[in-house]
PDB file of N, CA and C in Angstrom:
ATOM      1  N   UNK A   1     141.251   0.851 -72.826  1.00  0.00           N
ATOM      2  CA  UNK A   1     141.546   2.065 -73.559  1.00  0.00           C
ATOM      3  C   UNK A   1     142.686   1.779 -74.529  1.00  0.00           C
ATOM      4  N   UNK A   2     142.606   2.340 -75.689  1.00  0.00           N
ATOM      5  CA  UNK A   2     143.696   2.252 -76.660  1.00  0.00           C
ATOM      6  C   UNK A   2     143.834   3.614 -77.323  1.00  0.00           C
ATOM      7  N   UNK A   3     145.009   3.864 -77.885  1.00  0.00           N
ATOM      8  CA  UNK A   3     145.263   5.197 -78.416  1.00  0.00           C
ATOM      9  C   UNK A   3     146.388   5.179 -79.438  1.00  0.00           C
ATOM     10  N   UNK A   4     146.491   6.279 -80.181  1.00  0.00           N
ATOM     11  CA  UNK A   4     147.644   6.568 -81.026  1.00  0.00           C
ATOM     12  C   UNK A   4     148.309   7.819 -80.480  1.00  0.00           C
ATOM     13  N   UNK A   5     149.632   7.879 -80.573  1.00  0.00           N
ATOM     14  CA  UNK A   5     150.400   9.049 -80.174  1.00  0.00           C
ATOM     15  C   UNK A   5     151.390   9.364 -81.284  1.00  0.00           C
ATOM     16  N   UNK A   6     151.479  10.629 -81.670  1.00  0.00           N
ATOM     17  CA  UNK A   6     152.516  11.028 -82.616  1.00  0.00           C
ATOM     18  C   UNK A   6     153.774  11.325 -81.814  1.00  0.00           C
ATOM     19  N   UNK A   7     154.862  10.655 -82.160  1.00  0.00           N
ATOM     20  CA  UNK A   7     156.121  10.811 -81.452  1.00  0.00           C
ATOM     21  C   UNK A   7     156.908  11.989 -82.004  1.00  0.00           C
ATOM     22  N   UNK A   8     157.909  12.445 -81.261  1.00  0.00           N
ATOM     23  CA  UNK A   8     158.740  13.579 -81.684  1.00  0.00           C
ATOM     24  C   UNK A   8     159.415  13.353 -83.035  1.00  0.00           C
ATOM     25  N   UNK A   9     159.705  12.090 -83.358  1.00  0.00           N
ATOM     26  CA  UNK A   9     160.395  11.798 -84.619  1.00  0.00           C
ATOM     27  C   UNK A   9     159.420  11.616 -85.791  1.00  0.00           C
ATOM     28  N   UNK A  10     158.136  11.906 -85.585  1.00  0.00           N
ATOM     29  CA  UNK A  10     157.145  11.810 -86.647  1.00  0.00           C
ATOM     30  C   UNK A  10     156.486  10.447 -86.769  1.00  0.00           C
ATOM     31  N   UNK A  11     156.948   9.460 -86.006  1.00  0.00           N
ATOM     32  CA  UNK A  11     156.346   8.134 -86.028  1.00  0.00           C
ATOM     33  C   UNK A  11     155.016   8.152 -85.267  1.00  0.00           C
ATOM     34  N   UNK A  12     154.205   7.133 -85.483  1.00  0.00           N
ATOM     35  CA  UNK A  12     152.931   6.989 -84.790  1.00  0.00           C
ATOM     36  C   UNK A  12     152.977   5.724 -83.948  1.00  0.00           C
ATOM     37  N   UNK A  13     152.661   5.867 -82.668  1.00  0.00           N
ATOM     38  CA  UNK A  13     152.731   4.762 -81.720  1.00  0.00           C
ATOM     39  C   UNK A  13     151.331   4.375 -81.264  1.00  0.00           C
ATOM     40  N   UNK A  14     151.075   3.075 -81.168  1.00  0.00           N
ATOM     41  CA  UNK A  14     149.829   2.555 -80.617  1.00  0.00           C
ATOM     42  C   UNK A  14     150.072   2.124 -79.182  1.00  0.00           C
ATOM     43  N   UNK A  15     149.089   2.364 -78.330  1.00  0.00           N
ATOM     44  CA  UNK A  15     149.157   1.925 -76.945  1.00  0.00           C
ATOM     45  C   UNK A  15     147.847   1.285 -76.538  1.00  0.00           C
ATOM     46  N   UNK A  16     147.922   0.375 -75.575  1.00  0.00           N
ATOM     47  CA  UNK A  16     146.716  -0.330 -75.141  1.00  0.00           C
ATOM     48  C   UNK A  16     146.815  -0.669 -73.651  1.00  0.00           C
ATOM     49  N   UNK A  17     146.939   0.351 -72.789  1.00  0.00           N
ATOM     50  CA  UNK A  17     147.044   0.080 -71.349  1.00  0.00           C
ATOM     51  C   UNK A  17     145.706  -0.381 -70.768  1.00  0.00           C
ATOM     52  N   UNK A  18     145.768  -1.358 -69.910  1.00  0.00           N
ATOM     53  CA  UNK A  18     144.573  -1.868 -69.237  1.00  0.00           C
ATOM     54  C   UNK A  18     144.848  -2.051 -67.756  1.00  0.00           C
ATOM     55  N   UNK A  19     143.836  -1.875 -66.944  1.00  0.00           N
ATOM     56  CA  UNK A  19     143.957  -2.220 -65.532  1.00  0.00           C
ATOM     57  C   UNK A  19     144.208  -3.716 -65.433  1.00  0.00           C
ATOM     58  N   UNK A  20     144.982  -4.120 -64.433  1.00  0.00           N
ATOM     59  CA  UNK A  20     145.385  -5.517 -64.308  1.00  0.00           C
ATOM     60  C   UNK A  20     144.182  -6.463 -64.228  1.00  0.00           C
ATOM     61  N   UNK A  21     143.077  -6.023 -63.686  1.00  0.00           N
ATOM     62  CA  UNK A  21     141.905  -6.898 -63.570  1.00  0.00           C
ATOM     63  C   UNK A  21     141.345  -7.314 -64.939  1.00  0.00           C
ATOM     64  N   UNK A  22     141.735  -6.598 -66.011  1.00  0.00           N
ATOM     65  CA  UNK A  22     141.257  -6.913 -67.357  1.00  0.00           C
ATOM     66  C   UNK A  22     142.288  -7.664 -68.201  1.00  0.00           C
ATOM     67  N   UNK A  23     143.471  -7.942 -67.635  1.00  0.00           N
ATOM     68  CA  UNK A  23     144.496  -8.669 -68.364  1.00  0.00           C
ATOM     69  C   UNK A  23     144.039 -10.098 -68.643  1.00  0.00           C
ATOM     70  N   UNK A  24     144.527 -10.676 -69.724  1.00  0.00           N
ATOM     71  CA  UNK A  24     144.283 -12.083 -70.032  1.00  0.00           C
ATOM     72  C   UNK A  24     142.902 -12.383 -70.576  1.00  0.00           C
ATOM     73  N   UNK A  25     142.155 -11.375 -70.949  1.00  0.00           N
ATOM     74  CA  UNK A  25     140.797 -11.573 -71.453  1.00  0.00           C
ATOM     75  C   UNK A  25     140.684 -11.305 -72.956  1.00  0.00           C
ATOM     76  N   UNK A  26     141.802 -10.984 -73.615  1.00  0.00           N
ATOM     77  CA  UNK A  26     141.782 -10.725 -75.044  1.00  0.00           C
ATOM     78  C   UNK A  26     141.387  -9.305 -75.416  1.00  0.00           C
ATOM     79  N   UNK A  27     141.184  -8.461 -74.418  1.00  0.00           N
ATOM     80  CA  UNK A  27     140.730  -7.088 -74.673  1.00  0.00           C
ATOM     81  C   UNK A  27     141.806  -6.271 -75.377  1.00  0.00           C
ATOM     82  N   UNK A  28     143.056  -6.402 -74.958  1.00  0.00           N
ATOM     83  CA  UNK A  28     144.139  -5.624 -75.570  1.00  0.00           C
ATOM     84  C   UNK A  28     144.313  -6.008 -77.042  1.00  0.00           C
ATOM     85  N   UNK A  29     144.253  -7.294 -77.332  1.00  0.00           N
ATOM     86  CA  UNK A  29     144.381  -7.741 -78.721  1.00  0.00           C
ATOM     87  C   UNK A  29     143.227  -7.209 -79.566  1.00  0.00           C
ATOM     88  N   UNK A  30     142.027  -7.293 -79.026  1.00  0.00           N
ATOM     89  CA  UNK A  30     140.858  -6.782 -79.747  1.00  0.00           C
ATOM     90  C   UNK A  30     140.970  -5.273 -79.980  1.00  0.00           C
ATOM     91  N   UNK A  31     141.423  -4.544 -78.967  1.00  0.00           N
ATOM     92  CA  UNK A  31     141.572  -3.087 -79.098  1.00  0.00           C
ATOM     93  C   UNK A  31     142.654  -2.734 -80.120  1.00  0.00           C
ATOM     94  N   UNK A  32     143.792  -3.417 -80.052  1.00  0.00           N
ATOM     95  CA  UNK A  32     144.871  -3.131 -80.996  1.00  0.00           C
ATOM     96  C   UNK A  32     144.453  -3.496 -82.419  1.00  0.00           C
ATOM     97  N   UNK A  33     143.765  -4.621 -82.587  1.00  0.00           N
ATOM     98  CA  UNK A  33     143.276  -4.989 -83.925  1.00  0.00           C
ATOM     99  C   UNK A  33     142.356  -3.909 -84.482  1.00  0.00           C
ATOM    100  N   UNK A  34     141.463  -3.390 -83.666  1.00  0.00           N
ATOM    101  CA  UNK A  34     140.541  -2.338 -84.108  1.00  0.00           C
ATOM    102  C   UNK A  34     141.313  -1.067 -84.462  1.00  0.00           C
ATOM    103  N   UNK A  35     142.298  -0.702 -83.650  1.00  0.00           N
ATOM    104  CA  UNK A  35     143.120   0.472 -83.941  1.00  0.00           C
ATOM    105  C   UNK A  35     143.855   0.332 -85.268  1.00  0.00           C
ATOM    106  N   UNK A  36     144.467  -0.814 -85.479  1.00  0.00           N
ATOM    107  CA  UNK A  36     145.244  -1.024 -86.697  1.00  0.00           C
ATOM    108  C   UNK A  36     144.346  -1.064 -87.927  1.00  0.00           C
ATOM    109  N   UNK A  37     143.170  -1.655 -87.788  1.00  0.00           N
ATOM    110  CA  UNK A  37     142.223  -1.675 -88.900  1.00  0.00           C
ATOM    111  C   UNK A  37     141.791  -0.251 -89.244  1.00  0.00           C
ATOM    112  N   UNK A  38     141.447   0.517 -88.229  1.00  0.00           N
ATOM    113  CA  UNK A  38     141.047   1.907 -88.446  1.00  0.00           C
ATOM    114  C   UNK A  38     142.199   2.696 -89.080  1.00  0.00           C
ATOM    115  N   UNK A  39     143.404   2.513 -88.570  1.00  0.00           N
ATOM    116  CA  UNK A  39     144.568   3.241 -89.083  1.00  0.00           C
ATOM    117  C   UNK A  39     144.816   2.908 -90.548  1.00  0.00           C
ATOM    118  N   UNK A  40     144.690   1.631 -90.905  1.00  0.00           N
ATOM    119  CA  UNK A  40     144.933   1.218 -92.283  1.00  0.00           C
ATOM    120  C   UNK A  40     143.940   1.863 -93.246  1.00  0.00           C
ATOM    121  N   UNK A  41     142.738   2.139 -92.777  1.00  0.00           N
ATOM    122  CA  UNK A  41     141.704   2.734 -93.622  1.00  0.00           C
ATOM    123  C   UNK A  41     141.717   4.257 -93.596  1.00  0.00           C
ATOM    124  N   UNK A  42     142.367   4.847 -92.587  1.00  0.00           N
ATOM    125  CA  UNK A  42     142.193   6.276 -92.335  1.00  0.00           C
ATOM    126  C   UNK A  42     143.474   7.099 -92.373  1.00  0.00           C
ATOM    127  N   UNK A  43     144.546   6.596 -91.796  1.00  0.00           N
ATOM    128  CA  UNK A  43     145.757   7.389 -91.630  1.00  0.00           C
ATOM    129  C   UNK A  43     146.651   7.320 -92.864  1.00  0.00           C
ATOM    130  N   UNK A  44     147.405   8.377 -93.059  1.00  0.00           N
ATOM    131  CA  UNK A  44     148.341   8.402 -94.184  1.00  0.00           C
ATOM    132  C   UNK A  44     149.784   8.302 -93.700  1.00  0.00           C
ATOM    133  N   UNK A  45     149.995   7.605 -92.605  1.00  0.00           N
ATOM    134  CA  UNK A  45     151.345   7.359 -92.096  1.00  0.00           C
ATOM    135  C   UNK A  45     151.825   6.009 -92.623  1.00  0.00           C
ATOM    136  N   UNK A  46     153.130   5.828 -92.767  1.00  0.00           N
ATOM    137  CA  UNK A  46     153.631   4.575 -93.344  1.00  0.00           C
ATOM    138  C   UNK A  46     153.518   3.361 -92.427  1.00  0.00           C
ATOM    139  N   UNK A  47     153.526   3.582 -91.114  1.00  0.00           N
ATOM    140  CA  UNK A  47     153.477   2.448 -90.186  1.00  0.00           C
ATOM    141  C   UNK A  47     153.044   2.914 -88.803  1.00  0.00           C
ATOM    142  N   UNK A  48     152.658   1.932 -88.000  1.00  0.00           N
ATOM    143  CA  UNK A  48     152.337   2.140 -86.595  1.00  0.00           C
ATOM    144  C   UNK A  48     153.361   1.354 -85.791  1.00  0.00           C
ATOM    145  N   UNK A  49     153.874   1.949 -84.734  1.00  0.00           N
ATOM    146  CA  UNK A  49     154.819   1.287 -83.842  1.00  0.00           C
ATOM    147  C   UNK A  49     154.144   0.949 -82.517  1.00  0.00           C
ATOM    148  N   UNK A  50     154.631  -0.090 -81.879  1.00  0.00           N
ATOM    149  CA  UNK A  50     154.241  -0.421 -80.510  1.00  0.00           C
ATOM    150  C   UNK A  50     155.454  -1.073 -79.858  1.00  0.00           C
ATOM    151  N   UNK A  51     155.548  -0.955 -78.547  1.00  0.00           N
ATOM    152  CA  UNK A  51     156.675  -1.580 -77.865  1.00  0.00           C
ATOM    153  C   UNK A  51     156.291  -1.964 -76.449  1.00  0.00           C
ATOM    154  N   UNK A  52     157.112  -2.835 -75.872  1.00  0.00           N
ATOM    155  CA  UNK A  52     156.910  -3.296 -74.504  1.00  0.00           C
ATOM    156  C   UNK A  52     158.266  -3.706 -73.939  1.00  0.00           C
ATOM    157  N   UNK A  53     158.393  -3.705 -72.619  1.00  0.00           N
ATOM    158  CA  UNK A  53     159.626  -4.238 -72.024  1.00  0.00           C
ATOM    159  C   UNK A  53     159.847  -5.683 -72.487  1.00  0.00           C
ATOM    160  N   UNK A  54     161.105  -6.056 -72.676  1.00  0.00           N
ATOM    161  CA  UNK A  54     161.421  -7.375 -73.234  1.00  0.00           C
ATOM    162  C   UNK A  54     160.857  -8.525 -72.394  1.00  0.00           C
ATOM    163  N   UNK A  55     160.626  -8.305 -71.115  1.00  0.00           N
ATOM    164  CA  UNK A  55     160.102  -9.369 -70.260  1.00  0.00           C
ATOM    165  C   UNK A  55     158.577  -9.327 -70.118  1.00  0.00           C
ATOM    166  N   UNK A  56     157.906  -8.447 -70.856  1.00  0.00           N
ATOM    167  CA  UNK A  56     156.443  -8.359 -70.773  1.00  0.00           C
ATOM    168  C   UNK A  56     155.839  -9.189 -71.908  1.00  0.00           C
ATOM    169  N   UNK A  57     155.852 -10.498 -71.699  1.00  0.00           N
ATOM    170  CA  UNK A  57     155.483 -11.457 -72.741  1.00  0.00           C
ATOM    171  C   UNK A  57     154.035 -11.311 -73.206  1.00  0.00           C
ATOM    172  N   UNK A  58     153.139 -10.912 -72.319  1.00  0.00           N
ATOM    173  CA  UNK A  58     151.740 -10.751 -72.718  1.00  0.00           C
ATOM    174  C   UNK A  58     151.591  -9.632 -73.752  1.00  0.00           C
ATOM    175  N   UNK A  59     152.252  -8.495 -73.524  1.00  0.00           N
ATOM    176  CA  UNK A  59     152.168  -7.388 -74.487  1.00  0.00           C
ATOM    177  C   UNK A  59     152.835  -7.738 -75.808  1.00  0.00           C
ATOM    178  N   UNK A  60     153.930  -8.460 -75.734  1.00  0.00           N
ATOM    179  CA  UNK A  60     154.597  -8.904 -76.959  1.00  0.00           C
ATOM    180  C   UNK A  60     153.670  -9.835 -77.736  1.00  0.00           C
ATOM    181  N   UNK A  61     152.961 -10.700 -77.018  1.00  0.00           N
ATOM    182  CA  UNK A  61     151.993 -11.590 -77.652  1.00  0.00           C
ATOM    183  C   UNK A  61     150.863 -10.829 -78.323  1.00  0.00           C
ATOM    184  N   UNK A  62     150.407  -9.751 -77.701  1.00  0.00           N
ATOM    185  CA  UNK A  62     149.360  -8.910 -78.286  1.00  0.00           C
ATOM    186  C   UNK A  62     149.836  -8.341 -79.620  1.00  0.00           C
ATOM    187  N   UNK A  63     151.060  -7.817 -79.639  1.00  0.00           N
ATOM    188  CA  UNK A  63     151.595  -7.241 -80.877  1.00  0.00           C
ATOM    189  C   UNK A  63     151.696  -8.302 -81.972  1.00  0.00           C
ATOM    190  N   UNK A  64     152.184  -9.487 -81.615  1.00  0.00           N
ATOM    191  CA  UNK A  64     152.317 -10.565 -82.603  1.00  0.00           C
ATOM    192  C   UNK A  64     150.946 -11.009 -83.116  1.00  0.00           C
ATOM    193  N   UNK A  65     150.000 -11.212 -82.209  1.00  0.00           N
ATOM    194  CA  UNK A  65     148.656 -11.665 -82.613  1.00  0.00           C
ATOM    195  C   UNK A  65     147.963 -10.650 -83.502  1.00  0.00           C
ATOM    196  N   UNK A  66     148.328  -9.390 -83.367  1.00  0.00           N
ATOM    197  CA  UNK A  66     147.702  -8.331 -84.163  1.00  0.00           C
ATOM    198  C   UNK A  66     148.372  -8.157 -85.522  1.00  0.00           C
ATOM    199  N   UNK A  67     149.334  -9.003 -85.823  1.00  0.00           N
ATOM    200  CA  UNK A  67     149.971  -8.963 -87.134  1.00  0.00           C
ATOM    201  C   UNK A  67     151.146  -8.013 -87.229  1.00  0.00           C
ATOM    202  N   UNK A  68     151.595  -7.498 -86.098  1.00  0.00           N
ATOM    203  CA  UNK A  68     152.759  -6.618 -86.120  1.00  0.00           C
ATOM    204  C   UNK A  68     154.007  -7.476 -86.301  1.00  0.00           C
ATOM    205  N   UNK A  69     155.065  -6.881 -86.842  1.00  0.00           N
ATOM    206  CA  UNK A  69     156.307  -7.626 -87.052  1.00  0.00           C
ATOM    207  C   UNK A  69     157.441  -6.986 -86.250  1.00  0.00           C
ATOM    208  N   UNK A  70     158.358  -7.853 -85.838  1.00  0.00           N
ATOM    209  CA  UNK A  70     159.507  -7.412 -85.039  1.00  0.00           C
ATOM    210  C   UNK A  70     160.299  -6.346 -85.787  1.00  0.00           C
ATOM    211  N   UNK A  71     160.682  -5.301 -85.072  1.00  0.00           N
ATOM    212  CA  UNK A  71     161.489  -4.232 -85.658  1.00  0.00           C
ATOM    213  C   UNK A  71     162.872  -4.173 -85.019  1.00  0.00           C
ATOM    214  N   UNK A  72     162.911  -4.060 -83.685  1.00  0.00           N
ATOM    215  CA  UNK A  72     164.207  -3.926 -83.020  1.00  0.00           C
ATOM    216  C   UNK A  72     164.037  -4.095 -81.515  1.00  0.00           C
ATOM    217  N   UNK A  73     165.162  -4.264 -80.840  1.00  0.00           N
ATOM    218  CA  UNK A  73     165.207  -4.278 -79.381  1.00  0.00           C
ATOM    219  C   UNK A  73     166.211  -3.222 -78.965  1.00  0.00           C
ATOM    220  N   UNK A  74     165.775  -2.298 -78.104  1.00  0.00           N
ATOM    221  CA  UNK A  74     166.665  -1.244 -77.629  1.00  0.00           C
ATOM    222  C   UNK A  74     166.068  -0.609 -76.380  1.00  0.00           C
ATOM    223  N   UNK A  75     166.889   0.111 -75.625  1.00  0.00           N
ATOM    224  CA  UNK A  75     166.366   0.772 -74.429  1.00  0.00           C
ATOM    225  C   UNK A  75     165.385   1.899 -74.768  1.00  0.00           C
ATOM    226  N   UNK A  76     164.373   2.038 -73.948  1.00  0.00           N
ATOM    227  CA  UNK A  76     163.453   3.163 -74.010  1.00  0.00           C
ATOM    228  C   UNK A  76     163.172   3.585 -72.580  1.00  0.00           C
ATOM    229  N   UNK A  77     163.499   4.821 -72.282  1.00  0.00           N
ATOM    230  CA  UNK A  77     163.324   5.356 -70.921  1.00  0.00           C
ATOM    231  C   UNK A  77     164.027   4.487 -69.877  1.00  0.00           C
ATOM    232  N   UNK A  78     165.202   3.969 -70.248  1.00  0.00           N
ATOM    233  CA  UNK A  78     166.024   3.199 -69.320  1.00  0.00           C
ATOM    234  C   UNK A  78     165.654   1.736 -69.180  1.00  0.00           C
ATOM    235  N   UNK A  79     164.699   1.249 -69.980  1.00  0.00           N
ATOM    236  CA  UNK A  79     164.270  -0.148 -69.905  1.00  0.00           C
ATOM    237  C   UNK A  79     164.475  -0.786 -71.278  1.00  0.00           C
ATOM    238  N   UNK A  80     165.038  -1.990 -71.299  1.00  0.00           N
ATOM    239  CA  UNK A  80     165.183  -2.700 -72.573  1.00  0.00           C
ATOM    240  C   UNK A  80     163.798  -3.069 -73.098  1.00  0.00           C
ATOM    241  N   UNK A  81     163.515  -2.627 -74.303  1.00  0.00           N
ATOM    242  CA  UNK A  81     162.194  -2.836 -74.903  1.00  0.00           C
ATOM    243  C   UNK A  81     162.308  -3.507 -76.254  1.00  0.00           C
ATOM    244  N   UNK A  82     161.247  -4.195 -76.622  1.00  0.00           N
ATOM    245  CA  UNK A  82     161.133  -4.805 -77.934  1.00  0.00           C
ATOM    246  C   UNK A  82     160.090  -4.006 -78.712  1.00  0.00           C
ATOM    247  N   UNK A  83     160.447  -3.618 -79.927  1.00  0.00           N
ATOM    248  CA  UNK A  83     159.595  -2.786 -80.772  1.00  0.00           C
ATOM    249  C   UNK A  83     159.047  -3.615 -81.923  1.00  0.00           C
ATOM    250  N   UNK A  84     157.776  -3.400 -82.226  1.00  0.00           N
ATOM    251  CA  UNK A  84     157.120  -4.023 -83.374  1.00  0.00           C
ATOM    252  C   UNK A  84     156.537  -2.929 -84.248  1.00  0.00           C
ATOM    253  N   UNK A  85     156.362  -3.235 -85.529  1.00  0.00           N
ATOM    254  CA  UNK A  85     155.773  -2.271 -86.456  1.00  0.00           C
ATOM    255  C   UNK A  85     154.652  -2.931 -87.240  1.00  0.00           C
ATOM    256  N   UNK A  86     153.762  -2.081 -87.728  1.00  0.00           N
ATOM    257  CA  UNK A  86     152.660  -2.517 -88.579  1.00  0.00           C
ATOM    258  C   UNK A  86     152.626  -1.588 -89.779  1.00  0.00           C
ATOM    259  N   UNK A  87     153.190  -2.024 -90.918  1.00  0.00           N
ATOM    260  CA  UNK A  87     153.175  -1.178 -92.107  1.00  0.00           C
ATOM    261  C   UNK A  87     151.729  -0.962 -92.581  1.00  0.00           C
ATOM    262  N   UNK A  88     151.422   0.257 -92.965  1.00  0.00           N
ATOM    263  CA  UNK A  88     150.053   0.569 -93.357  1.00  0.00           C
ATOM    264  C   UNK A  88     149.841   0.692 -94.850  1.00  0.00           C
ATOM    265  N   UNK A  89     150.805   1.206 -95.595  1.00  0.00           N
ATOM    266  CA  UNK A  89     150.535   1.532 -96.991  1.00  0.00           C
ATOM    267  C   UNK A  89     150.216   0.318 -97.859  1.00  0.00           C
ATOM    268  N   UNK A  90     150.606  -0.875 -97.451  1.00  0.00           N
ATOM    269  CA  UNK A  90     150.248  -2.045 -98.270  1.00  0.00           C
ATOM    270  C   UNK A  90     148.810  -2.490 -98.027  1.00  0.00           C
ATOM    271  N   UNK A  91     148.151  -1.957 -96.985  1.00  0.00           N
ATOM    272  CA  UNK A  91     146.765  -2.323 -96.704  1.00  0.00           C
ATOM    273  C   UNK A  91     145.771  -1.451 -97.450  1.00  0.00           C
ATOM    274  N   UNK A  92     146.203  -0.280 -97.886  1.00  0.00           N
ATOM    275  CA  UNK A  92     145.295   0.646 -98.549  1.00  0.00           C
ATOM    276  C   UNK A  92     145.943   1.114 -99.851  1.00  0.00           C
ATOM    277  N   UNK A  93     145.525   0.550-100.978  1.00  0.00           N
ATOM    278  CA  UNK A  93     146.144   0.912-102.257  1.00  0.00           C
ATOM    279  C   UNK A  93     146.081   2.415-102.530  1.00  0.00           C
ATOM    280  N   UNK A  94     145.051   3.092-102.071  1.00  0.00           N
ATOM    281  CA  UNK A  94     144.951   4.543-102.274  1.00  0.00           C
ATOM    282  C   UNK A  94     146.085   5.276-101.578  1.00  0.00           C
ATOM    283  N   UNK A  95     146.422   4.829-100.353  1.00  0.00           N
ATOM    284  CA  UNK A  95     147.523   5.472 -99.632  1.00  0.00           C
ATOM    285  C   UNK A  95     148.856   5.162-100.301  1.00  0.00           C
ATOM    286  N   UNK A  96     149.019   3.964-100.812  1.00  0.00           N
ATOM    287  CA  UNK A  96     150.256   3.592-101.497  1.00  0.00           C
ATOM    288  C   UNK A  96     150.463   4.492-102.711  1.00  0.00           C
ATOM    289  N   UNK A  97     149.419   4.713-103.483  1.00  0.00           N
ATOM    290  CA  UNK A  97     149.568   5.567-104.668  1.00  0.00           C
ATOM    291  C   UNK A  97     149.770   7.018-104.272  1.00  0.00           C
ATOM    292  N   UNK A  98     149.166   7.470-103.170  1.00  0.00           N
ATOM    293  CA  UNK A  98     149.386   8.848-102.704  1.00  0.00           C
ATOM    294  C   UNK A  98     150.834   9.031-102.276  1.00  0.00           C
ATOM    295  N   UNK A  99     151.368   8.028-101.568  1.00  0.00           N
ATOM    296  CA  UNK A  99     152.744   8.095-101.099  1.00  0.00           C
ATOM    297  C   UNK A  99     153.701   8.125-102.297  1.00  0.00           C
ATOM    298  N   UNK A 100     153.430   7.274-103.273  1.00  0.00           N
ATOM    299  CA  UNK A 100     154.317   7.199-104.443  1.00  0.00           C
ATOM    300  C   UNK A 100     154.270   8.472-105.283  1.00  0.00           C
ATOM    301  N   UNK A 101     153.102   9.111-105.331  1.00  0.00           N
ATOM    302  CA  UNK A 101     152.988  10.298-106.170  1.00  0.00           C
ATOM    303  C   UNK A 101     153.285  11.595-105.429  1.00  0.00           C
ATOM    304  N   UNK A 102     153.542  11.497-104.131  1.00  0.00           N
ATOM    305  CA  UNK A 102     153.924  12.700-103.422  1.00  0.00           C
ATOM    306  C   UNK A 102     152.951  13.140-102.441  1.00  0.00           C
TER     307      UNK A 102
END
């Protein structure tokens, strides 16, 4: 399963939770890639965020493999997390011009 969530601050977050029996099979990367591709073609938000605890190397690898870039490291819900972002407006020239024109 994968999803987008609109956060209280107006940002859009991607998630890709899987049961442990499906870990290590490339499913999360495939799901996140599909989400980001769809978002780049459909959404008018400037970026998608994703994060994971700093010690969850598999999730961090998923974000990196999907083309996300490092944004910051900070606590979230009491756990030190690493945040990645995926800018969208450079993937869709129509959205870039809409953003620039208002």
